[in-house]
């Protein structure tokens, strides 16, 4: 099940629940994970509850439910039913027709089957959460010190990584199709931006074959000219480049949600929306990007790797 990790304490609402959404750190493996569309609705309801001066426990008692249910609705791990939304209207005195319509539209969107539903049997829940964040975010910032970020990978590079993992050949085929769909959906949105710091070590760590790595380097060179992708290279042998941040992806939602950070592990992932912890990671990422090679310098380094035959034919 999801593990709640210790973080700086927040006020308790009297029922054992935290007073606000900001403060959660969850290690997810393969259990119900928060989805961004549900989180937008939950965030709006949380603001209404706080404006009423109600704790989550008090709201739950008046709604006739449990504090955990209110908490899961606000955190985006529970789909809100229409009859429950009407109860929230009454309790939070949401009488304005426009606000009711906006919340209703959010609830409809949040209850729609996700595009990745056909792959839910092969894509772990924490990865489904990440994809939902990608779908909702206007900007994604990421540093991956082991392998390239999934949205930067060529199909051949991705397939070689997938085949290293667990599962059957048919499962690997499905995951490869899932990766393709994920990439196509992200790049189809012209206003969405991915800012990546690529660790030079990941480019010198072979995946698949020399041919696959040459194709991957050429793909990254091409992406340096794409305005939707802003790439930086954290070079090896530079004492001013500090990579202690580790694997971190930061999702910005243009005000619809507070910024969320995610750190993927070997068999799960850490979803962080504690404000102070997210802020520290944002500052560390920005500092790393500033000290890394800019896109034009990265392009020269990648071209040198190709022309000098780092991955020989």
C-alpha atoms as a PDB file:
ATOM      1  CA  UNK A   1       0.000   0.000   0.000  1.00  0.00           C
ATOM      2  CA  UNK A   2       1.027   3.668  -0.250  1.00  0.00           C
ATOM      3  CA  UNK A   3       3.505   4.646   2.433  1.00  0.00           C
ATOM      4  CA  UNK A   4       3.065   8.046   4.099  1.00  0.00           C
ATOM      5  CA  UNK A   5       6.553   9.296   4.903  1.00  0.00           C
ATOM      6  CA  UNK A   6       7.395  11.496   7.899  1.00  0.00           C
ATOM      7  CA  UNK A   7       7.498  15.218   7.154  1.00  0.00           C
ATOM      8  CA  UNK A   8       7.298  18.402   9.230  1.00  0.00           C
ATOM      9  CA  UNK A   9       4.058  18.285  11.193  1.00  0.00           C
ATOM     10  CA  UNK A  10       0.989  20.300  10.213  1.00  0.00           C
ATOM     11  CA  UNK A  11      -2.005  21.170  12.394  1.00  0.00           C
ATOM     12  CA  UNK A  12      -4.349  18.274  12.978  1.00  0.00           C
ATOM     13  CA  UNK A  13      -8.035  18.800  12.242  1.00  0.00           C
ATOM     14  CA  UNK A  14      -9.160  16.834  15.267  1.00  0.00           C
ATOM     15  CA  UNK A  15      -9.815  13.613  13.383  1.00  0.00           C
ATOM     16  CA  UNK A  16      -6.272  12.538  12.676  1.00  0.00           C
ATOM     17  CA  UNK A  17      -6.310  14.195   9.244  1.00  0.00           C
ATOM     18  CA  UNK A  18      -3.948  16.939   8.161  1.00  0.00           C
ATOM     19  CA  UNK A  19      -5.532  20.353   7.847  1.00  0.00           C
ATOM     20  CA  UNK A  20      -4.440  20.952   4.269  1.00  0.00           C
ATOM     21  CA  UNK A  21      -3.437  19.178   1.103  1.00  0.00           C
ATOM     22  CA  UNK A  22       0.048  20.658   1.139  1.00  0.00           C
ATOM     23  CA  UNK A  23       2.103  18.361   3.297  1.00  0.00           C
ATOM     24  CA  UNK A  24       1.701  14.985   1.649  1.00  0.00           C
ATOM     25  CA  UNK A  25       4.618  12.748   0.732  1.00  0.00           C
ATOM     26  CA  UNK A  26       3.494   9.393  -0.648  1.00  0.00           C
ATOM     27  CA  UNK A  27       5.561   6.479  -1.838  1.00  0.00           C
ATOM     28  CA  UNK A  28       3.454   4.729  -4.442  1.00  0.00           C
ATOM     29  CA  UNK A  29       3.945   1.242  -5.767  1.00  0.00           C
ATOM     30  CA  UNK A  30       0.935  -0.406  -7.388  1.00  0.00           C
ATOM     31  CA  UNK A  31      -2.021   0.959  -5.435  1.00  0.00           C
ATOM     32  CA  UNK A  32      -4.552   3.705  -6.146  1.00  0.00           C
ATOM     33  CA  UNK A  33      -2.623   6.818  -7.118  1.00  0.00           C
ATOM     34  CA  UNK A  34      -3.690  10.461  -7.413  1.00  0.00           C
ATOM     35  CA  UNK A  35      -4.783  11.622 -10.864  1.00  0.00           C
ATOM     36  CA  UNK A  36      -4.307  15.247 -11.842  1.00  0.00           C
ATOM     37  CA  UNK A  37      -7.875  15.816 -13.098  1.00  0.00           C
ATOM     38  CA  UNK A  38      -9.276  14.582  -9.790  1.00  0.00           C
ATOM     39  CA  UNK A  39      -6.711  16.651  -7.922  1.00  0.00           C
ATOM     40  CA  UNK A  40      -7.914  19.853  -9.632  1.00  0.00           C
ATOM     41  CA  UNK A  41     -11.468  19.169  -8.437  1.00  0.00           C
ATOM     42  CA  UNK A  42     -10.260  18.149  -4.981  1.00  0.00           C
ATOM     43  CA  UNK A  43      -8.123  21.263  -4.702  1.00  0.00           C
ATOM     44  CA  UNK A  44     -11.127  23.472  -5.534  1.00  0.00           C
ATOM     45  CA  UNK A  45     -13.259  21.727  -2.900  1.00  0.00           C
ATOM     46  CA  UNK A  46     -10.488  22.005  -0.323  1.00  0.00           C
ATOM     47  CA  UNK A  47     -10.326  25.770  -0.860  1.00  0.00           C
ATOM     48  CA  UNK A  48     -14.093  26.011  -0.379  1.00  0.00           C
ATOM     49  CA  UNK A  49     -13.897  23.943   2.813  1.00  0.00           C
ATOM     50  CA  UNK A  50     -11.132  26.151   4.214  1.00  0.00           C
ATOM     51  CA  UNK A  51     -13.073  29.294   3.267  1.00  0.00           C
ATOM     52  CA  UNK A  52     -15.951  27.909   5.357  1.00  0.00           C
ATOM     53  CA  UNK A  53     -13.576  27.406   8.290  1.00  0.00           C
ATOM     54  CA  UNK A  54     -14.218  23.656   8.372  1.00  0.00           C
ATOM     55  CA  UNK A  55     -11.677  20.961   9.092  1.00  0.00           C
ATOM     56  CA  UNK A  56     -11.715  17.770   7.014  1.00  0.00           C
ATOM     57  CA  UNK A  57     -13.095  15.933  10.028  1.00  0.00           C
ATOM     58  CA  UNK A  58     -15.911  18.433  10.556  1.00  0.00           C
ATOM     59  CA  UNK A  59     -16.808  18.368   6.860  1.00  0.00           C
ATOM     60  CA  UNK A  60     -16.894  14.566   6.901  1.00  0.00           C
ATOM     61  CA  UNK A  61     -19.241  14.485   9.893  1.00  0.00           C
ATOM     62  CA  UNK A  62     -21.689  16.889   8.231  1.00  0.00           C
ATOM     63  CA  UNK A  63     -21.480  15.018   4.930  1.00  0.00           C
ATOM     64  CA  UNK A  64     -22.157  11.728   6.674  1.00  0.00           C
ATOM     65  CA  UNK A  65     -18.882  10.181   5.514  1.00  0.00           C
ATOM     66  CA  UNK A  66     -15.444   9.480   6.866  1.00  0.00           C
ATOM     67  CA  UNK A  67     -12.535  11.929   7.164  1.00  0.00           C
ATOM     68  CA  UNK A  68     -10.467   9.584   5.015  1.00  0.00           C
ATOM     69  CA  UNK A  69     -12.995   9.858   2.178  1.00  0.00           C
ATOM     70  CA  UNK A  70     -12.853  13.665   2.253  1.00  0.00           C
ATOM     71  CA  UNK A  71      -9.063  13.470   2.346  1.00  0.00           C
ATOM     72  CA  UNK A  72      -8.963  11.080  -0.652  1.00  0.00           C
ATOM     73  CA  UNK A  73     -11.333  13.290  -2.648  1.00  0.00           C
ATOM     74  CA  UNK A  74      -9.201  16.355  -1.959  1.00  0.00           C
ATOM     75  CA  UNK A  75      -5.958  14.529  -2.768  1.00  0.00           C
ATOM     76  CA  UNK A  76      -7.271  13.105  -6.057  1.00  0.00           C
ATOM     77  CA  UNK A  77      -7.198   9.410  -5.207  1.00  0.00           C
ATOM     78  CA  UNK A  78     -10.990   8.977  -5.097  1.00  0.00           C
ATOM     79  CA  UNK A  79     -13.509   9.635  -7.881  1.00  0.00           C
ATOM     80  CA  UNK A  80     -16.291  11.939  -6.686  1.00  0.00           C
ATOM     81  CA  UNK A  81     -19.818  10.730  -7.439  1.00  0.00           C
ATOM     82  CA  UNK A  82     -22.472  13.173  -8.639  1.00  0.00           C
ATOM     83  CA  UNK A  83     -24.644  12.694  -5.559  1.00  0.00           C
ATOM     84  CA  UNK A  84     -21.651  13.501  -3.367  1.00  0.00           C
ATOM     85  CA  UNK A  85     -20.978  16.684  -5.347  1.00  0.00           C
ATOM     86  CA  UNK A  86     -24.510  17.892  -4.551  1.00  0.00           C
ATOM     87  CA  UNK A  87     -23.781  17.360  -0.838  1.00  0.00           C
ATOM     88  CA  UNK A  88     -20.657  19.492  -1.171  1.00  0.00           C
ATOM     89  CA  UNK A  89     -22.717  22.235  -2.856  1.00  0.00           C
ATOM     90  CA  UNK A  90     -25.075  22.309   0.137  1.00  0.00           C
ATOM     91  CA  UNK A  91     -22.423  22.087   2.868  1.00  0.00           C
ATOM     92  CA  UNK A  92     -20.078  24.668   1.346  1.00  0.00           C
ATOM     93  CA  UNK A  93     -22.985  26.929   0.288  1.00  0.00           C
ATOM     94  CA  UNK A  94     -22.022  26.825  -3.372  1.00  0.00           C
ATOM     95  CA  UNK A  95     -25.080  28.499  -4.853  1.00  0.00           C
ATOM     96  CA  UNK A  96     -23.614  30.431  -7.776  1.00  0.00           C
ATOM     97  CA  UNK A  97     -24.719  28.643 -10.997  1.00  0.00           C
ATOM     98  CA  UNK A  98     -21.410  29.354 -12.744  1.00  0.00           C
ATOM     99  CA  UNK A  99     -19.350  27.884  -9.923  1.00  0.00           C
ATOM    100  CA  UNK A 100     -21.639  24.870  -9.726  1.00  0.00           C
ATOM    101  CA  UNK A 101     -21.269  24.359 -13.478  1.00  0.00           C
ATOM    102  CA  UNK A 102     -17.472  24.675 -13.272  1.00  0.00           C
ATOM    103  CA  UNK A 103     -17.232  22.092 -10.489  1.00  0.00           C
ATOM    104  CA  UNK A 104     -19.647  19.822 -12.315  1.00  0.00           C
ATOM    105  CA  UNK A 105     -17.529  19.981 -15.484  1.00  0.00           C
ATOM    106  CA  UNK A 106     -14.433  19.187 -13.421  1.00  0.00           C
ATOM    107  CA  UNK A 107     -16.196  16.186 -11.883  1.00  0.00           C
ATOM    108  CA  UNK A 108     -17.229  14.913 -15.335  1.00  0.00           C
ATOM    109  CA  UNK A 109     -13.672  15.256 -16.640  1.00  0.00           C
ATOM    110  CA  UNK A 110     -12.265  13.574 -13.542  1.00  0.00           C
ATOM    111  CA  UNK A 111     -14.619  10.605 -13.916  1.00  0.00           C
ATOM    112  CA  UNK A 112     -13.859   9.978 -17.599  1.00  0.00           C
ATOM    113  CA  UNK A 113     -11.810   6.854 -18.410  1.00  0.00           C
ATOM    114  CA  UNK A 114      -8.182   7.862 -18.864  1.00  0.00           C
ATOM    115  CA  UNK A 115      -6.565   7.378 -22.272  1.00  0.00           C
ATOM    116  CA  UNK A 116      -4.063   4.995 -20.710  1.00  0.00           C
ATOM    117  CA  UNK A 117      -6.819   2.685 -19.425  1.00  0.00           C
ATOM    118  CA  UNK A 118      -6.068   0.038 -22.121  1.00  0.00           C
ATOM    119  CA  UNK A 119      -2.542  -0.232 -20.664  1.00  0.00           C
ATOM    120  CA  UNK A 120      -3.524  -0.266 -16.991  1.00  0.00           C
ATOM    121  CA  UNK A 121      -2.611  -3.943 -16.678  1.00  0.00           C
ATOM    122  CA  UNK A 122       1.015  -3.351 -17.723  1.00  0.00           C
ATOM    123  CA  UNK A 123       1.670   0.255 -16.625  1.00  0.00           C
ATOM    124  CA  UNK A 124       2.138   0.468 -12.832  1.00  0.00           C
ATOM    125  CA  UNK A 125      -0.127   2.824 -10.915  1.00  0.00           C
ATOM    126  CA  UNK A 126       2.672   5.262 -10.077  1.00  0.00           C
ATOM    127  CA  UNK A 127       3.453   5.613 -13.791  1.00  0.00           C
ATOM    128  CA  UNK A 128      -0.217   6.244 -14.509  1.00  0.00           C
ATOM    129  CA  UNK A 129      -0.120   9.054 -11.945  1.00  0.00           C
ATOM    130  CA  UNK A 130       2.947  10.546 -13.643  1.00  0.00           C
ATOM    131  CA  UNK A 131       1.236  10.472 -17.040  1.00  0.00           C
ATOM    132  CA  UNK A 132      -1.831  12.173 -15.577  1.00  0.00           C
ATOM    133  CA  UNK A 133       0.436  14.935 -14.231  1.00  0.00           C
ATOM    134  CA  UNK A 134       2.054  15.275 -17.675  1.00  0.00           C
ATOM    135  CA  UNK A 135      -1.367  15.587 -19.288  1.00  0.00           C
ATOM    136  CA  UNK A 136      -2.399  18.422 -16.960  1.00  0.00           C
ATOM    137  CA  UNK A 137       0.929  20.255 -16.603  1.00  0.00           C
ATOM    138  CA  UNK A 138       1.907  23.212 -18.753  1.00  0.00           C
ATOM    139  CA  UNK A 139       5.583  22.774 -17.876  1.00  0.00           C
ATOM    140  CA  UNK A 140       7.587  19.734 -16.815  1.00  0.00           C
ATOM    141  CA  UNK A 141      11.117  20.018 -15.423  1.00  0.00           C
ATOM    142  CA  UNK A 142      13.155  16.847 -15.030  1.00  0.00           C
ATOM    143  CA  UNK A 143      16.563  15.480 -14.142  1.00  0.00           C
ATOM    144  CA  UNK A 144      17.253  11.768 -14.625  1.00  0.00           C
ATOM    145  CA  UNK A 145      20.764  10.645 -13.636  1.00  0.00           C
ATOM    146  CA  UNK A 146      20.503   6.999 -14.728  1.00  0.00           C
ATOM    147  CA  UNK A 147      18.592   6.813 -18.021  1.00  0.00           C
ATOM    148  CA  UNK A 148      17.012   9.381 -20.293  1.00  0.00           C
ATOM    149  CA  UNK A 149      13.596  10.782 -19.472  1.00  0.00           C
ATOM    150  CA  UNK A 150      10.845   8.784 -21.182  1.00  0.00           C
ATOM    151  CA  UNK A 151       9.758  11.715 -23.370  1.00  0.00           C
ATOM    152  CA  UNK A 152      13.308  12.033 -24.770  1.00  0.00           C
ATOM    153  CA  UNK A 153      13.752   8.378 -25.684  1.00  0.00           C
ATOM    154  CA  UNK A 154      13.677   7.020 -29.215  1.00  0.00           C
ATOM    155  CA  UNK A 155      11.381   4.003 -29.712  1.00  0.00           C
ATOM    156  CA  UNK A 156      14.467   1.770 -30.029  1.00  0.00           C
ATOM    157  CA  UNK A 157      16.046   3.070 -26.812  1.00  0.00           C
ATOM    158  CA  UNK A 158      12.723   2.730 -24.973  1.00  0.00           C
ATOM    159  CA  UNK A 159      12.203  -0.813 -26.257  1.00  0.00           C
ATOM    160  CA  UNK A 160      15.689  -1.867 -25.153  1.00  0.00           C
ATOM    161  CA  UNK A 161      14.976  -0.583 -21.632  1.00  0.00           C
ATOM    162  CA  UNK A 162      11.529  -2.184 -21.505  1.00  0.00           C
ATOM    163  CA  UNK A 163      12.937  -5.583 -22.445  1.00  0.00           C
ATOM    164  CA  UNK A 164      15.264  -5.435 -19.442  1.00  0.00           C
ATOM    165  CA  UNK A 165      12.245  -5.333 -17.136  1.00  0.00           C
ATOM    166  CA  UNK A 166       9.866  -7.913 -15.819  1.00  0.00           C
ATOM    167  CA  UNK A 167       6.963  -9.292 -17.803  1.00  0.00           C
ATOM    168  CA  UNK A 168       6.260 -11.237 -20.962  1.00  0.00           C
ATOM    169  CA  UNK A 169       7.105 -10.342 -24.548  1.00  0.00           C
ATOM    170  CA  UNK A 170       3.465  -9.372 -25.145  1.00  0.00           C
ATOM    171  CA  UNK A 171       3.594  -7.152 -22.065  1.00  0.00           C
ATOM    172  CA  UNK A 172       6.723  -5.498 -23.433  1.00  0.00           C
ATOM    173  CA  UNK A 173       4.883  -4.861 -26.713  1.00  0.00           C
ATOM    174  CA  UNK A 174       2.053  -3.167 -24.827  1.00  0.00           C
ATOM    175  CA  UNK A 175       4.432  -0.994 -22.813  1.00  0.00           C
ATOM    176  CA  UNK A 176       6.189   0.071 -26.010  1.00  0.00           C
ATOM    177  CA  UNK A 177       2.838   1.137 -27.491  1.00  0.00           C
ATOM    178  CA  UNK A 178       2.014   2.950 -24.257  1.00  0.00           C
ATOM    179  CA  UNK A 179       5.324   4.873 -24.492  1.00  0.00           C
ATOM    180  CA  UNK A 180       4.560   5.832 -28.084  1.00  0.00           C
ATOM    181  CA  UNK A 181       1.082   7.103 -27.228  1.00  0.00           C
ATOM    182  CA  UNK A 182       2.445   9.027 -24.236  1.00  0.00           C
ATOM    183  CA  UNK A 183       5.046  10.779 -26.393  1.00  0.00           C
ATOM    184  CA  UNK A 184       2.583  11.607 -29.178  1.00  0.00           C
ATOM    185  CA  UNK A 185       0.077  13.103 -26.754  1.00  0.00           C
ATOM    186  CA  UNK A 186       2.669  15.252 -25.046  1.00  0.00           C
ATOM    187  CA  UNK A 187       4.156  16.631 -28.252  1.00  0.00           C
ATOM    188  CA  UNK A 188       0.716  17.266 -29.756  1.00  0.00           C
ATOM    189  CA  UNK A 189       0.200  20.139 -27.305  1.00  0.00           C
ATOM    190  CA  UNK A 190       2.131  23.159 -28.652  1.00  0.00           C
ATOM    191  CA  UNK A 191       1.970  25.112 -25.369  1.00  0.00           C
ATOM    192  CA  UNK A 192       3.404  22.305 -23.262  1.00  0.00           C
ATOM    193  CA  UNK A 193       7.097  22.520 -22.411  1.00  0.00           C
ATOM    194  CA  UNK A 194       9.638  19.975 -21.153  1.00  0.00           C
ATOM    195  CA  UNK A 195      12.816  21.290 -19.555  1.00  0.00           C
ATOM    196  CA  UNK A 196      15.330  18.493 -19.034  1.00  0.00           C
ATOM    197  CA  UNK A 197      18.777  18.382 -17.559  1.00  0.00           C
ATOM    198  CA  UNK A 198      20.456  15.375 -19.163  1.00  0.00           C
ATOM    199  CA  UNK A 199      23.300  13.835 -17.192  1.00  0.00           C
ATOM    200  CA  UNK A 200      26.230  13.163 -19.511  1.00  0.00           C
ATOM    201  CA  UNK A 201      26.687   9.855 -17.718  1.00  0.00           C
ATOM    202  CA  UNK A 202      23.352   8.645 -19.129  1.00  0.00           C
ATOM    203  CA  UNK A 203      24.667   9.212 -22.659  1.00  0.00           C
ATOM    204  CA  UNK A 204      27.782   7.189 -21.937  1.00  0.00           C
ATOM    205  CA  UNK A 205      25.800   4.357 -20.351  1.00  0.00           C
ATOM    206  CA  UNK A 206      24.980   2.069 -23.316  1.00  0.00           C
ATOM    207  CA  UNK A 207      21.434   0.858 -23.851  1.00  0.00           C
ATOM    208  CA  UNK A 208      20.638  -1.768 -26.490  1.00  0.00           C
ATOM    209  CA  UNK A 209      23.451  -1.344 -28.991  1.00  0.00           C
ATOM    210  CA  UNK A 210      25.853   1.198 -30.470  1.00  0.00           C
ATOM    211  CA  UNK A 211      23.397   1.756 -33.312  1.00  0.00           C
ATOM    212  CA  UNK A 212      20.581   2.523 -30.860  1.00  0.00           C
ATOM    213  CA  UNK A 213      22.805   4.960 -28.967  1.00  0.00           C
ATOM    214  CA  UNK A 214      23.839   6.769 -32.154  1.00  0.00           C
ATOM    215  CA  UNK A 215      20.193   7.134 -33.084  1.00  0.00           C
ATOM    216  CA  UNK A 216      19.429   8.414 -29.595  1.00  0.00           C
ATOM    217  CA  UNK A 217      22.196  11.032 -29.763  1.00  0.00           C
ATOM    218  CA  UNK A 218      20.947  12.223 -33.141  1.00  0.00           C
ATOM    219  CA  UNK A 219      17.404  12.434 -31.768  1.00  0.00           C
ATOM    220  CA  UNK A 220      18.575  14.639 -28.894  1.00  0.00           C
ATOM    221  CA  UNK A 221      20.399  16.894 -31.355  1.00  0.00           C
ATOM    222  CA  UNK A 222      17.140  17.280 -33.262  1.00  0.00           C
ATOM    223  CA  UNK A 223      15.226  18.090 -30.075  1.00  0.00           C
ATOM    224  CA  UNK A 224      17.575  20.965 -29.231  1.00  0.00           C
ATOM    225  CA  UNK A 225      15.883  22.865 -32.089  1.00  0.00           C
ATOM    226  CA  UNK A 226      12.330  22.074 -30.911  1.00  0.00           C
ATOM    227  CA  UNK A 227      10.879  24.966 -28.839  1.00  0.00           C
ATOM    228  CA  UNK A 228       8.792  22.540 -26.775  1.00  0.00           C
ATOM    229  CA  UNK A 229      11.977  20.913 -25.442  1.00  0.00           C
ATOM    230  CA  UNK A 230      14.623  22.861 -23.549  1.00  0.00           C
ATOM    231  CA  UNK A 231      17.616  20.602 -22.962  1.00  0.00           C
ATOM    232  CA  UNK A 232      20.672  21.156 -20.793  1.00  0.00           C
ATOM    233  CA  UNK A 233      23.619  18.815 -20.300  1.00  0.00           C
ATOM    234  CA  UNK A 234      25.166  18.215 -16.880  1.00  0.00           C
ATOM    235  CA  UNK A 235      28.755  17.471 -17.933  1.00  0.00           C
ATOM    236  CA  UNK A 236      31.038  14.991 -16.250  1.00  0.00           C
ATOM    237  CA  UNK A 237      34.336  16.253 -14.806  1.00  0.00           C
ATOM    238  CA  UNK A 238      32.920  19.675 -13.898  1.00  0.00           C
ATOM    239  CA  UNK A 239      33.358  20.472 -10.214  1.00  0.00           C
ATOM    240  CA  UNK A 240      30.686  23.195 -10.369  1.00  0.00           C
ATOM    241  CA  UNK A 241      27.893  20.859 -11.470  1.00  0.00           C
ATOM    242  CA  UNK A 242      26.187  19.255  -8.475  1.00  0.00           C
ATOM    243  CA  UNK A 243      23.756  16.412  -9.142  1.00  0.00           C
ATOM    244  CA  UNK A 244      22.778  15.518  -5.563  1.00  0.00           C
ATOM    245  CA  UNK A 245      19.173  16.346  -6.450  1.00  0.00           C
ATOM    246  CA  UNK A 246      18.834  12.859  -7.922  1.00  0.00           C
ATOM    247  CA  UNK A 247      15.959  11.678 -10.099  1.00  0.00           C
ATOM    248  CA  UNK A 248      13.313  14.407  -9.888  1.00  0.00           C
ATOM    249  CA  UNK A 249      10.461  15.556 -12.099  1.00  0.00           C
ATOM    250  CA  UNK A 250       8.603  18.778 -11.305  1.00  0.00           C
ATOM    251  CA  UNK A 251       5.116  19.481 -12.658  1.00  0.00           C
ATOM    252  CA  UNK A 252       3.788  23.037 -12.988  1.00  0.00           C
ATOM    253  CA  UNK A 253       0.040  23.471 -13.555  1.00  0.00           C
ATOM    254  CA  UNK A 254      -0.391  27.205 -14.276  1.00  0.00           C
ATOM    255  CA  UNK A 255      -2.296  27.789 -11.051  1.00  0.00           C
ATOM    256  CA  UNK A 256      -4.819  24.963 -11.414  1.00  0.00           C
ATOM    257  CA  UNK A 257      -2.805  22.958  -8.874  1.00  0.00           C
ATOM    258  CA  UNK A 258       0.211  23.718  -6.710  1.00  0.00           C
ATOM    259  CA  UNK A 259       3.502  22.431  -8.101  1.00  0.00           C
ATOM    260  CA  UNK A 260       4.148  18.708  -7.539  1.00  0.00           C
ATOM    261  CA  UNK A 261       7.450  16.834  -7.535  1.00  0.00           C
ATOM    262  CA  UNK A 262       7.975  13.157  -8.345  1.00  0.00           C
ATOM    263  CA  UNK A 263      10.992  10.951  -7.771  1.00  0.00           C
ATOM    264  CA  UNK A 264      10.967   7.518  -9.410  1.00  0.00           C
ATOM    265  CA  UNK A 265      12.603   4.578  -7.694  1.00  0.00           C
ATOM    266  CA  UNK A 266      13.325   0.998  -8.692  1.00  0.00           C
ATOM    267  CA  UNK A 267       9.840  -0.334  -7.919  1.00  0.00           C
ATOM    268  CA  UNK A 268       7.757   2.744  -7.210  1.00  0.00           C
ATOM    269  CA  UNK A 269       7.799   6.496  -6.963  1.00  0.00           C
ATOM    270  CA  UNK A 270       7.655   9.322  -4.446  1.00  0.00           C
ATOM    271  CA  UNK A 271       4.884  11.890  -5.018  1.00  0.00           C
ATOM    272  CA  UNK A 272       5.738  15.086  -3.140  1.00  0.00           C
ATOM    273  CA  UNK A 273       3.388  18.003  -2.651  1.00  0.00           C
ATOM    274  CA  UNK A 274       4.760  19.236   0.657  1.00  0.00           C
ATOM    275  CA  UNK A 275       5.373  22.916  -0.105  1.00  0.00           C
ATOM    276  CA  UNK A 276       8.793  23.242   1.505  1.00  0.00           C
ATOM    277  CA  UNK A 277      10.118  20.004   0.052  1.00  0.00           C
ATOM    278  CA  UNK A 278       8.891  20.892  -3.442  1.00  0.00           C
ATOM    279  CA  UNK A 279      10.433  24.358  -3.136  1.00  0.00           C
ATOM    280  CA  UNK A 280      13.819  22.885  -2.207  1.00  0.00           C
ATOM    281  CA  UNK A 281      13.734  20.587  -5.215  1.00  0.00           C
ATOM    282  CA  UNK A 282      12.696  23.418  -7.530  1.00  0.00           C
ATOM    283  CA  UNK A 283      15.607  25.551  -6.350  1.00  0.00           C
ATOM    284  CA  UNK A 284      18.052  22.646  -6.670  1.00  0.00           C
ATOM    285  CA  UNK A 285      16.816  21.873 -10.192  1.00  0.00           C
ATOM    286  CA  UNK A 286      17.047  25.488 -11.323  1.00  0.00           C
ATOM    287  CA  UNK A 287      20.579  25.730  -9.922  1.00  0.00           C
ATOM    288  CA  UNK A 288      21.566  22.524 -11.717  1.00  0.00           C
ATOM    289  CA  UNK A 289      20.102  23.757 -15.011  1.00  0.00           C
ATOM    290  CA  UNK A 290      21.925  27.092 -14.649  1.00  0.00           C
ATOM    291  CA  UNK A 291      25.296  25.386 -14.076  1.00  0.00           C
ATOM    292  CA  UNK A 292      24.804  22.852 -16.898  1.00  0.00           C
ATOM    293  CA  UNK A 293      25.538  23.321 -20.587  1.00  0.00           C
ATOM    294  CA  UNK A 294      22.943  25.384 -22.456  1.00  0.00           C
ATOM    295  CA  UNK A 295      21.124  23.823 -25.455  1.00  0.00           C
ATOM    296  CA  UNK A 296      23.568  25.132 -28.089  1.00  0.00           C
ATOM    297  CA  UNK A 297      26.579  23.925 -26.094  1.00  0.00           C
ATOM    298  CA  UNK A 298      24.851  20.594 -25.487  1.00  0.00           C
ATOM    299  CA  UNK A 299      24.293  20.224 -29.232  1.00  0.00           C
ATOM    300  CA  UNK A 300      28.028  20.702 -29.843  1.00  0.00           C
ATOM    301  CA  UNK A 301      28.896  18.100 -27.208  1.00  0.00           C
ATOM    302  CA  UNK A 302      26.460  15.578 -28.699  1.00  0.00           C
ATOM    303  CA  UNK A 303      27.783  16.234 -32.209  1.00  0.00           C
ATOM    304  CA  UNK A 304      31.332  15.648 -30.954  1.00  0.00           C
ATOM    305  CA  UNK A 305      30.268  12.317 -29.461  1.00  0.00           C
ATOM    306  CA  UNK A 306      28.900  11.265 -32.830  1.00  0.00           C
ATOM    307  CA  UNK A 307      31.746  12.514 -35.002  1.00  0.00           C
ATOM    308  CA  UNK A 308      34.497  11.182 -32.750  1.00  0.00           C
ATOM    309  CA  UNK A 309      32.889   7.754 -32.819  1.00  0.00           C
ATOM    310  CA  UNK A 310      32.104   7.358 -29.112  1.00  0.00           C
ATOM    311  CA  UNK A 311      29.649   4.654 -30.196  1.00  0.00           C
ATOM    312  CA  UNK A 312      31.521   3.076 -33.047  1.00  0.00           C
ATOM    313  CA  UNK A 313      29.755   1.266 -35.864  1.00  0.00           C
END
